[in-house]
Every structure is written in C-alpha cells, then in structure tokens.
PDB file of N, CA and C in Angstrom:
ATOM      1  N   MET A   1      -5.081   9.586  16.602  1.00  0.00           N
ATOM      2  CA  MET A   1      -5.160   9.979  15.198  1.00  0.00           C
ATOM      3  C   MET A   1      -4.075   9.216  14.437  1.00  0.00           C
ATOM      4  N   PRO A   2      -4.453   8.525  13.373  1.00  0.00           N
ATOM      5  CA  PRO A   2      -3.436   7.850  12.562  1.00  0.00           C
ATOM      6  C   PRO A   2      -2.467   8.855  11.959  1.00  0.00           C
ATOM      7  N   LEU A   3      -1.234   8.430  11.797  1.00  0.00           N
ATOM      8  CA  LEU A   3      -0.206   9.315  11.251  1.00  0.00           C
ATOM      9  C   LEU A   3      -0.576   9.823   9.869  1.00  0.00           C
ATOM     10  N   SER A   4      -1.166   8.968   9.055  1.00  0.00           N
ATOM     11  CA  SER A   4      -1.568   9.404   7.709  1.00  0.00           C
ATOM     12  C   SER A   4      -2.582  10.533   7.782  1.00  0.00           C
ATOM     13  N   ALA A   5      -3.476  10.489   8.769  1.00  0.00           N
ATOM     14  CA  ALA A   5      -4.458  11.562   8.941  1.00  0.00           C
ATOM     15  C   ALA A   5      -3.772  12.847   9.398  1.00  0.00           C
ATOM     16  N   LEU A   6      -2.780  12.716  10.271  1.00  0.00           N
ATOM     17  CA  LEU A   6      -2.027  13.887  10.725  1.00  0.00           C
ATOM     18  C   LEU A   6      -1.333  14.566   9.548  1.00  0.00           C
ATOM     19  N   ILE A   7      -0.673  13.785   8.703  1.00  0.00           N
ATOM     20  CA  ILE A   7       0.011  14.359   7.549  1.00  0.00           C
ATOM     21  C   ILE A   7      -0.996  14.976   6.582  1.00  0.00           C
ATOM     22  N   ALA A   8      -2.147  14.334   6.404  1.00  0.00           N
ATOM     23  CA  ALA A   8      -3.186  14.903   5.545  1.00  0.00           C
ATOM     24  C   ALA A   8      -3.665  16.246   6.084  1.00  0.00           C
ATOM     25  N   CYS A   9      -3.809  16.353   7.400  1.00  0.00           N
ATOM     26  CA  CYS A   9      -4.207  17.634   8.010  1.00  0.00           C
ATOM     27  C   CYS A   9      -3.137  18.696   7.787  1.00  0.00           C
ATOM     28  N   ILE A  10      -1.878  18.319   7.968  1.00  0.00           N
ATOM     29  CA  ILE A  10      -0.777  19.259   7.749  1.00  0.00           C
ATOM     30  C   ILE A  10      -0.793  19.745   6.308  1.00  0.00           C
ATOM     31  N   ASP A  11      -0.934  18.804   5.360  1.00  0.00           N
ATOM     32  CA  ASP A  11      -0.960  19.175   3.949  1.00  0.00           C
ATOM     33  C   ASP A  11      -2.120  20.104   3.637  1.00  0.00           C
ATOM     34  N   ALA A  12      -3.285  19.831   4.216  1.00  0.00           N
ATOM     35  CA  ALA A  12      -4.473  20.642   3.949  1.00  0.00           C
ATOM     36  C   ALA A  12      -4.321  22.059   4.494  1.00  0.00           C
ATOM     37  N   GLU A  13      -3.641  22.197   5.628  1.00  0.00           N
ATOM     38  CA  GLU A  13      -3.526  23.502   6.277  1.00  0.00           C
ATOM     39  C   GLU A  13      -2.320  24.313   5.812  1.00  0.00           C
ATOM     40  N   ARG A  14      -1.327  23.668   5.256  1.00  0.00           N
ATOM     41  CA  ARG A  14      -0.086  24.384   4.950  1.00  0.00           C
ATOM     42  C   ARG A  14      -0.162  25.253   3.719  1.00  0.00           C
ATOM     43  N   GLY A  15      -1.024  24.928   2.785  1.00  0.00           N
ATOM     44  CA  GLY A  15      -1.129  25.734   1.572  1.00  0.00           C
ATOM     45  C   GLY A  15       0.200  25.748   0.837  1.00  0.00           C
ATOM     46  N   ASN A  16       0.543  26.881   0.245  1.00  0.00           N
ATOM     47  CA  ASN A  16       1.761  26.995  -0.553  1.00  0.00           C
ATOM     48  C   ASN A  16       3.005  27.279   0.279  1.00  0.00           C
ATOM     49  N   GLY A  17       2.844  27.738   1.500  1.00  0.00           N
ATOM     50  CA  GLY A  17       4.013  28.142   2.272  1.00  0.00           C
ATOM     51  C   GLY A  17       4.125  27.445   3.598  1.00  0.00           C
ATOM     52  N   GLY A  18       3.694  26.194   3.680  1.00  0.00           N
ATOM     53  CA  GLY A  18       3.675  25.492   4.953  1.00  0.00           C
ATOM     54  C   GLY A  18       4.924  24.684   5.211  1.00  0.00           C
ATOM     55  N   LEU A  19       4.740  23.602   5.936  1.00  0.00           N
ATOM     56  CA  LEU A  19       5.859  22.760   6.342  1.00  0.00           C
ATOM     57  C   LEU A  19       6.516  22.097   5.147  1.00  0.00           C
ATOM     58  N   SER A  20       7.813  21.989   5.220  1.00  0.00           N
ATOM     59  CA  SER A  20       8.558  21.304   4.165  1.00  0.00           C
ATOM     60  C   SER A  20       8.430  19.800   4.340  1.00  0.00           C
ATOM     61  N   SER A  21       8.805  19.064   3.311  1.00  0.00           N
ATOM     62  CA  SER A  21       8.801  17.604   3.382  1.00  0.00           C
ATOM     63  C   SER A  21       9.709  17.114   4.506  1.00  0.00           C
ATOM     64  N   ALA A  22      10.821  17.794   4.718  1.00  0.00           N
ATOM     65  CA  ALA A  22      11.753  17.386   5.774  1.00  0.00           C
ATOM     66  C   ALA A  22      11.085  17.450   7.142  1.00  0.00           C
ATOM     67  N   VAL A  23      10.288  18.463   7.372  1.00  0.00           N
ATOM     68  CA  VAL A  23       9.602  18.592   8.659  1.00  0.00           C
ATOM     69  C   VAL A  23       8.578  17.477   8.804  1.00  0.00           C
ATOM     70  N   ARG A  24       7.862  17.172   7.737  1.00  0.00           N
ATOM     71  CA  ARG A  24       6.874  16.101   7.809  1.00  0.00           C
ATOM     72  C   ARG A  24       7.547  14.751   8.047  1.00  0.00           C
ATOM     73  N   VAL A  25       8.705  14.519   7.453  1.00  0.00           N
ATOM     74  CA  VAL A  25       9.442  13.275   7.687  1.00  0.00           C
ATOM     75  C   VAL A  25       9.914  13.218   9.138  1.00  0.00           C
ATOM     76  N   TRP A  26      10.346  14.340   9.687  1.00  0.00           N
ATOM     77  CA  TRP A  26      10.762  14.381  11.091  1.00  0.00           C
ATOM     78  C   TRP A  26       9.583  14.031  11.997  1.00  0.00           C
ATOM     79  N   LEU A  27       8.409  14.600  11.704  1.00  0.00           N
ATOM     80  CA  LEU A  27       7.221  14.288  12.495  1.00  0.00           C
ATOM     81  C   LEU A  27       6.894  12.803  12.429  1.00  0.00           C
ATOM     82  N   LEU A  28       6.999  12.220  11.250  1.00  0.00           N
ATOM     83  CA  LEU A  28       6.752  10.794  11.084  1.00  0.00           C
ATOM     84  C   LEU A  28       7.681   9.985  11.980  1.00  0.00           C
ATOM     85  N   ALA A  29       8.977  10.289  11.938  1.00  0.00           N
ATOM     86  CA  ALA A  29       9.954   9.574  12.759  1.00  0.00           C
ATOM     87  C   ALA A  29       9.677   9.785  14.245  1.00  0.00           C
ATOM     88  N   TYR A  30       9.318  11.003  14.618  1.00  0.00           N
ATOM     89  CA  TYR A  30       9.037  11.323  16.018  1.00  0.00           C
ATOM     90  C   TYR A  30       7.888  10.475  16.548  1.00  0.00           C
ATOM     91  N   TYR A  31       6.792  10.424  15.796  1.00  0.00           N
ATOM     92  CA  TYR A  31       5.636   9.668  16.254  1.00  0.00           C
ATOM     93  C   TYR A  31       5.874   8.173  16.205  1.00  0.00           C
ATOM     94  N   ARG A  32       6.644   7.690  15.264  1.00  0.00           N
ATOM     95  CA  ARG A  32       6.986   6.267  15.246  1.00  0.00           C
ATOM     96  C   ARG A  32       7.815   5.911  16.458  1.00  0.00           C
ATOM     97  N   ASN A  33       8.794   6.736  16.791  1.00  0.00           N
ATOM     98  CA  ASN A  33       9.654   6.463  17.948  1.00  0.00           C
ATOM     99  C   ASN A  33       8.898   6.582  19.254  1.00  0.00           C
ATOM    100  N   ALA A  34       7.918   7.466  19.323  1.00  0.00           N
ATOM    101  CA  ALA A  34       7.144   7.665  20.546  1.00  0.00           C
ATOM    102  C   ALA A  34       6.322   6.432  20.882  1.00  0.00           C
ATOM    103  N   LYS A  35       5.974   5.618  19.896  1.00  0.00           N
ATOM    104  CA  LYS A  35       5.168   4.431  20.144  1.00  0.00           C
ATOM    105  C   LYS A  35       5.994   3.221  20.545  1.00  0.00           C
ATOM    106  N   ARG A  36       7.329   3.311  20.400  1.00  0.00           N
ATOM    107  CA  ARG A  36       8.192   2.186  20.758  1.00  0.00           C
ATOM    108  C   ARG A  36       8.425   2.163  22.261  1.00  0.00           C
ATOM    109  N   PRO A  37       8.453   0.970  22.841  1.00  0.00           N
ATOM    110  CA  PRO A  37       8.826   0.905  24.262  1.00  0.00           C
ATOM    111  C   PRO A  37      10.312   1.253  24.426  1.00  0.00           C
ATOM    112  N   ASP A  38      10.686   1.698  25.606  1.00  0.00           N
ATOM    113  CA  ASP A  38      12.072   2.051  25.870  1.00  0.00           C
ATOM    114  C   ASP A  38      12.989   0.867  25.584  1.00  0.00           C
ATOM    115  N   GLY A  39      14.092   1.135  24.939  1.00  0.00           N
ATOM    116  CA  GLY A  39      15.066   0.111  24.654  1.00  0.00           C
ATOM    117  C   GLY A  39      14.797  -0.670  23.373  1.00  0.00           C
ATOM    118  N   ALA A  40      13.756  -0.325  22.669  1.00  0.00           N
ATOM    119  CA  ALA A  40      13.437  -1.065  21.439  1.00  0.00           C
ATOM    120  C   ALA A  40      14.123  -0.441  20.242  1.00  0.00           C
TER     121      ALA A  40
END
C-alpha cells in the first residue's frame, strides 16, 4: 500500500478525534525508514 493511501485511510477513519498530525508524521518516518537497507 502506498504511504499516501495509508494516510488517506487514516484521515478517512479518524473523523474529528483521530490521530494527530504528529502521529501521522511519525508513521511516515517509520515506513520510510523500514524501506531503507541496514546502514543506509
């Protein structure tokens, strides 16, 4: 699943009281780092 689709799903499901922007930014960084080979 592309990251943009993941964030779109989060936004659609969170409504007015869902994840904060900080949590979404953390998820973005997490998934970007997960795709890097070790030591990169």
